């Protein structure tokens, strides 16, 4: 079984035999898979009338557990955007009726962003459909192969995630 990356690696090996092109065997596949995954996710979000950033904010709130609320600062850390960007996103989600702002009982000047019933319904449906599409992407792998792949990808990602947590 050959794929497009095999052809790409072979061509580079023929053109530049002086270079070790083996990293392409892994990382070009990861890159191509990321593009396919992005397309599948965008299709799910379109089906549920969501933008990817809306899904990110709504899922961060949903994962927080009942009452599905976080401070804007916690949302910033969960979604890796700037304060101004988060304020704009919260405003837009509130205008759409997907989140509400409430006073923070622990901080008189602070607010908490809470998922509304409509927001929870929308994000739950989108998340279920997303998992179905992602399951289809992984169907060619056995459960054991998925576990091995997840472990290997974790090993590659931990240094990047650790660096993100420090900044």
C-alpha atoms as a PDB file:
ATOM      1  CA  UNK A   1       0.000   0.000   0.000  1.00  0.00           C
ATOM      2  CA  UNK A   2       1.463   3.361  -1.090  1.00  0.00           C
ATOM      3  CA  UNK A   3       0.207   6.845  -0.419  1.00  0.00           C
ATOM      4  CA  UNK A   4       1.004  10.333  -1.648  1.00  0.00           C
ATOM      5  CA  UNK A   5       3.693  10.743   1.012  1.00  0.00           C
ATOM      6  CA  UNK A   6       5.522   7.661  -0.271  1.00  0.00           C
ATOM      7  CA  UNK A   7       5.653   9.285  -3.713  1.00  0.00           C
ATOM      8  CA  UNK A   8       6.772  12.617  -2.241  1.00  0.00           C
ATOM      9  CA  UNK A   9       9.541  11.007  -0.160  1.00  0.00           C
ATOM     10  CA  UNK A  10      10.725   8.959  -3.123  1.00  0.00           C
ATOM     11  CA  UNK A  11      10.875  12.045  -5.344  1.00  0.00           C
ATOM     12  CA  UNK A  12      12.831  14.027  -2.745  1.00  0.00           C
ATOM     13  CA  UNK A  13      15.173  11.092  -2.166  1.00  0.00           C
ATOM     14  CA  UNK A  14      15.848  10.932  -5.919  1.00  0.00           C
ATOM     15  CA  UNK A  15      16.369  14.698  -6.199  1.00  0.00           C
ATOM     16  CA  UNK A  16      18.300  15.188  -2.947  1.00  0.00           C
ATOM     17  CA  UNK A  17      19.993  11.888  -2.011  1.00  0.00           C
ATOM     18  CA  UNK A  18      22.335  13.918   0.186  1.00  0.00           C
ATOM     19  CA  UNK A  19      19.484  14.701   2.618  1.00  0.00           C
ATOM     20  CA  UNK A  20      17.776  12.415   5.119  1.00  0.00           C
ATOM     21  CA  UNK A  21      14.127  12.770   4.083  1.00  0.00           C
ATOM     22  CA  UNK A  22      12.800  10.234   6.619  1.00  0.00           C
ATOM     23  CA  UNK A  23      11.123  12.926   8.795  1.00  0.00           C
ATOM     24  CA  UNK A  24       8.754  13.495   5.868  1.00  0.00           C
ATOM     25  CA  UNK A  25       7.471   9.929   6.256  1.00  0.00           C
ATOM     26  CA  UNK A  26       5.924  10.887   9.593  1.00  0.00           C
ATOM     27  CA  UNK A  27       5.401  14.620   9.570  1.00  0.00           C
ATOM     28  CA  UNK A  28       4.030  14.950   6.052  1.00  0.00           C
ATOM     29  CA  UNK A  29       1.460  12.309   6.954  1.00  0.00           C
ATOM     30  CA  UNK A  30       0.586  14.175  10.150  1.00  0.00           C
ATOM     31  CA  UNK A  31       0.225  17.377   8.144  1.00  0.00           C
ATOM     32  CA  UNK A  32      -1.970  15.762   5.480  1.00  0.00           C
ATOM     33  CA  UNK A  33      -4.080  14.048   8.134  1.00  0.00           C
ATOM     34  CA  UNK A  34      -4.491  17.391   9.936  1.00  0.00           C
ATOM     35  CA  UNK A  35      -5.879  18.900   6.725  1.00  0.00           C
ATOM     36  CA  UNK A  36      -8.381  16.047   6.347  1.00  0.00           C
ATOM     37  CA  UNK A  37      -9.361  16.358   9.999  1.00  0.00           C
ATOM     38  CA  UNK A  38      -9.782  20.123   9.618  1.00  0.00           C
ATOM     39  CA  UNK A  39     -12.125  19.574   6.659  1.00  0.00           C
ATOM     40  CA  UNK A  40     -14.188  17.039   8.615  1.00  0.00           C
ATOM     41  CA  UNK A  41     -14.413  19.392  11.585  1.00  0.00           C
ATOM     42  CA  UNK A  42     -15.404  22.365   9.440  1.00  0.00           C
ATOM     43  CA  UNK A  43     -18.166  20.267   7.876  1.00  0.00           C
ATOM     44  CA  UNK A  44     -19.521  19.373  11.332  1.00  0.00           C
ATOM     45  CA  UNK A  45     -19.366  22.996  12.459  1.00  0.00           C
ATOM     46  CA  UNK A  46     -21.203  24.145   9.328  1.00  0.00           C
ATOM     47  CA  UNK A  47     -23.881  21.504   9.961  1.00  0.00           C
ATOM     48  CA  UNK A  48     -24.379  22.976  13.443  1.00  0.00           C
ATOM     49  CA  UNK A  49     -24.077  26.639  12.446  1.00  0.00           C
ATOM     50  CA  UNK A  50     -20.850  27.091  14.402  1.00  0.00           C
ATOM     51  CA  UNK A  51     -17.456  28.576  13.685  1.00  0.00           C
ATOM     52  CA  UNK A  52     -14.440  26.645  14.959  1.00  0.00           C
ATOM     53  CA  UNK A  53     -13.689  29.355  17.530  1.00  0.00           C
ATOM     54  CA  UNK A  54     -17.282  29.156  18.798  1.00  0.00           C
ATOM     55  CA  UNK A  55     -16.920  25.406  19.204  1.00  0.00           C
ATOM     56  CA  UNK A  56     -13.647  25.929  21.119  1.00  0.00           C
ATOM     57  CA  UNK A  57     -15.215  28.341  23.607  1.00  0.00           C
ATOM     58  CA  UNK A  58     -18.430  26.348  24.001  1.00  0.00           C
ATOM     59  CA  UNK A  59     -16.576  23.060  24.559  1.00  0.00           C
ATOM     60  CA  UNK A  60     -14.290  24.698  27.133  1.00  0.00           C
ATOM     61  CA  UNK A  61     -17.412  25.748  29.055  1.00  0.00           C
ATOM     62  CA  UNK A  62     -19.077  22.353  28.597  1.00  0.00           C
ATOM     63  CA  UNK A  63     -16.009  20.496  29.886  1.00  0.00           C
ATOM     64  CA  UNK A  64     -15.995  22.693  32.993  1.00  0.00           C
ATOM     65  CA  UNK A  65     -19.006  20.759  34.310  1.00  0.00           C
ATOM     66  CA  UNK A  66     -22.184  22.027  35.897  1.00  0.00           C
ATOM     67  CA  UNK A  67     -22.892  25.002  35.987  1.00  0.00           C
ATOM     68  CA  UNK A  68     -20.746  25.177  32.796  1.00  0.00           C
ATOM     69  CA  UNK A  69     -19.050  28.454  33.561  1.00  0.00           C
ATOM     70  CA  UNK A  70     -15.540  29.866  33.539  1.00  0.00           C
ATOM     71  CA  UNK A  71     -13.933  33.232  34.010  1.00  0.00           C
ATOM     72  CA  UNK A  72     -12.765  34.989  30.856  1.00  0.00           C
ATOM     73  CA  UNK A  73      -9.183  34.374  32.055  1.00  0.00           C
ATOM     74  CA  UNK A  74      -9.732  30.618  32.245  1.00  0.00           C
ATOM     75  CA  UNK A  75     -11.309  30.725  28.786  1.00  0.00           C
ATOM     76  CA  UNK A  76      -8.208  32.564  27.525  1.00  0.00           C
ATOM     77  CA  UNK A  77      -5.957  29.790  28.802  1.00  0.00           C
ATOM     78  CA  UNK A  78      -8.242  27.080  27.423  1.00  0.00           C
ATOM     79  CA  UNK A  79      -8.399  28.583  23.933  1.00  0.00           C
ATOM     80  CA  UNK A  80      -4.999  30.331  23.667  1.00  0.00           C
ATOM     81  CA  UNK A  81      -6.276  33.695  22.418  1.00  0.00           C
ATOM     82  CA  UNK A  82      -5.706  37.274  23.542  1.00  0.00           C
ATOM     83  CA  UNK A  83      -7.912  39.128  26.012  1.00  0.00           C
ATOM     84  CA  UNK A  84      -9.368  41.395  23.324  1.00  0.00           C
ATOM     85  CA  UNK A  85     -10.145  38.441  21.093  1.00  0.00           C
ATOM     86  CA  UNK A  86     -11.852  36.595  23.949  1.00  0.00           C
ATOM     87  CA  UNK A  87     -13.967  39.632  24.845  1.00  0.00           C
ATOM     88  CA  UNK A  88     -15.133  39.849  21.237  1.00  0.00           C
ATOM     89  CA  UNK A  89     -15.901  36.134  21.146  1.00  0.00           C
ATOM     90  CA  UNK A  90     -17.880  36.244  24.379  1.00  0.00           C
ATOM     91  CA  UNK A  91     -19.833  39.249  23.081  1.00  0.00           C
ATOM     92  CA  UNK A  92     -20.710  37.418  19.873  1.00  0.00           C
ATOM     93  CA  UNK A  93     -21.677  34.195  21.661  1.00  0.00           C
ATOM     94  CA  UNK A  94     -23.814  36.163  24.137  1.00  0.00           C
ATOM     95  CA  UNK A  95     -25.552  37.983  21.276  1.00  0.00           C
ATOM     96  CA  UNK A  96     -26.312  34.564  19.732  1.00  0.00           C
ATOM     97  CA  UNK A  97     -27.799  33.360  23.040  1.00  0.00           C
ATOM     98  CA  UNK A  98     -25.183  30.631  23.505  1.00  0.00           C
ATOM     99  CA  UNK A  99     -23.521  32.083  26.636  1.00  0.00           C
ATOM    100  CA  UNK A 100     -24.409  34.545  29.386  1.00  0.00           C
ATOM    101  CA  UNK A 101     -22.302  36.722  31.636  1.00  0.00           C
ATOM    102  CA  UNK A 102     -22.901  36.557  35.386  1.00  0.00           C
ATOM    103  CA  UNK A 103     -21.226  38.394  38.269  1.00  0.00           C
ATOM    104  CA  UNK A 104     -18.452  36.384  39.904  1.00  0.00           C
ATOM    105  CA  UNK A 105     -19.463  35.850  43.551  1.00  0.00           C
ATOM    106  CA  UNK A 106     -15.763  35.501  44.499  1.00  0.00           C
ATOM    107  CA  UNK A 107     -14.707  38.740  42.762  1.00  0.00           C
ATOM    108  CA  UNK A 108     -17.095  41.713  42.776  1.00  0.00           C
ATOM    109  CA  UNK A 109     -15.391  43.179  39.675  1.00  0.00           C
ATOM    110  CA  UNK A 110     -15.229  39.888  37.807  1.00  0.00           C
ATOM    111  CA  UNK A 111     -17.660  38.022  35.626  1.00  0.00           C
ATOM    112  CA  UNK A 112     -18.242  34.406  34.792  1.00  0.00           C
ATOM    113  CA  UNK A 113     -19.246  33.196  31.366  1.00  0.00           C
ATOM    114  CA  UNK A 114     -21.913  30.514  31.502  1.00  0.00           C
ATOM    115  CA  UNK A 115     -23.182  28.202  28.796  1.00  0.00           C
ATOM    116  CA  UNK A 116     -26.905  28.659  28.142  1.00  0.00           C
ATOM    117  CA  UNK A 117     -29.290  25.783  27.516  1.00  0.00           C
ATOM    118  CA  UNK A 118     -29.213  26.622  23.810  1.00  0.00           C
ATOM    119  CA  UNK A 119     -25.421  26.672  23.871  1.00  0.00           C
ATOM    120  CA  UNK A 120     -25.273  23.316  25.618  1.00  0.00           C
ATOM    121  CA  UNK A 121     -27.721  21.753  23.168  1.00  0.00           C
ATOM    122  CA  UNK A 122     -25.771  23.075  20.184  1.00  0.00           C
ATOM    123  CA  UNK A 123     -22.324  22.073  21.441  1.00  0.00           C
ATOM    124  CA  UNK A 124     -23.479  18.625  22.587  1.00  0.00           C
ATOM    125  CA  UNK A 125     -24.953  17.871  19.162  1.00  0.00           C
ATOM    126  CA  UNK A 126     -21.883  19.183  17.341  1.00  0.00           C
ATOM    127  CA  UNK A 127     -19.544  17.232  19.618  1.00  0.00           C
ATOM    128  CA  UNK A 128     -21.456  13.974  19.074  1.00  0.00           C
ATOM    129  CA  UNK A 129     -21.320  14.460  15.299  1.00  0.00           C
ATOM    130  CA  UNK A 130     -17.635  15.370  15.464  1.00  0.00           C
ATOM    131  CA  UNK A 131     -16.831  12.174  17.345  1.00  0.00           C
ATOM    132  CA  UNK A 132     -18.733  10.170  14.735  1.00  0.00           C
ATOM    133  CA  UNK A 133     -16.692  11.744  11.917  1.00  0.00           C
ATOM    134  CA  UNK A 134     -13.426  11.292  13.802  1.00  0.00           C
ATOM    135  CA  UNK A 135     -14.331   7.665  14.487  1.00  0.00           C
ATOM    136  CA  UNK A 136     -14.751   7.167  10.741  1.00  0.00           C
ATOM    137  CA  UNK A 137     -11.270   8.611  10.147  1.00  0.00           C
ATOM    138  CA  UNK A 138      -9.803   6.069  12.581  1.00  0.00           C
ATOM    139  CA  UNK A 139     -11.843   3.067  11.378  1.00  0.00           C
ATOM    140  CA  UNK A 140      -8.886   1.523   9.551  1.00  0.00           C
ATOM    141  CA  UNK A 141      -6.975   1.153  12.839  1.00  0.00           C
ATOM    142  CA  UNK A 142      -7.544  -1.489  15.491  1.00  0.00           C
ATOM    143  CA  UNK A 143      -8.056  -0.429  19.089  1.00  0.00           C
ATOM    144  CA  UNK A 144      -4.481  -1.463  19.928  1.00  0.00           C
ATOM    145  CA  UNK A 145      -3.118   0.499  16.962  1.00  0.00           C
ATOM    146  CA  UNK A 146      -5.040   3.580  18.102  1.00  0.00           C
ATOM    147  CA  UNK A 147      -3.560   3.249  21.584  1.00  0.00           C
ATOM    148  CA  UNK A 148      -0.031   2.958  20.188  1.00  0.00           C
ATOM    149  CA  UNK A 149      -0.549   5.903  17.847  1.00  0.00           C
ATOM    150  CA  UNK A 150      -2.029   8.034  20.641  1.00  0.00           C
ATOM    151  CA  UNK A 151       0.998   7.265  22.818  1.00  0.00           C
ATOM    152  CA  UNK A 152       3.480   8.103  20.083  1.00  0.00           C
ATOM    153  CA  UNK A 153       1.712  11.369  19.238  1.00  0.00           C
ATOM    154  CA  UNK A 154       1.606  12.260  22.946  1.00  0.00           C
ATOM    155  CA  UNK A 155       5.379  11.773  23.116  1.00  0.00           C
ATOM    156  CA  UNK A 156       5.795  14.209  20.219  1.00  0.00           C
ATOM    157  CA  UNK A 157       3.357  16.781  21.622  1.00  0.00           C
ATOM    158  CA  UNK A 158       4.367  16.923  25.300  1.00  0.00           C
ATOM    159  CA  UNK A 159       7.373  19.215  24.731  1.00  0.00           C
ATOM    160  CA  UNK A 160       5.205  21.670  22.783  1.00  0.00           C
ATOM    161  CA  UNK A 161       2.399  21.580  25.348  1.00  0.00           C
ATOM    162  CA  UNK A 162       4.892  22.054  28.181  1.00  0.00           C
ATOM    163  CA  UNK A 163       6.324  25.076  26.394  1.00  0.00           C
ATOM    164  CA  UNK A 164       2.812  26.531  25.918  1.00  0.00           C
ATOM    165  CA  UNK A 165       2.052  26.125  29.632  1.00  0.00           C
ATOM    166  CA  UNK A 166       5.165  28.138  30.559  1.00  0.00           C
ATOM    167  CA  UNK A 167       4.100  31.137  28.457  1.00  0.00           C
END
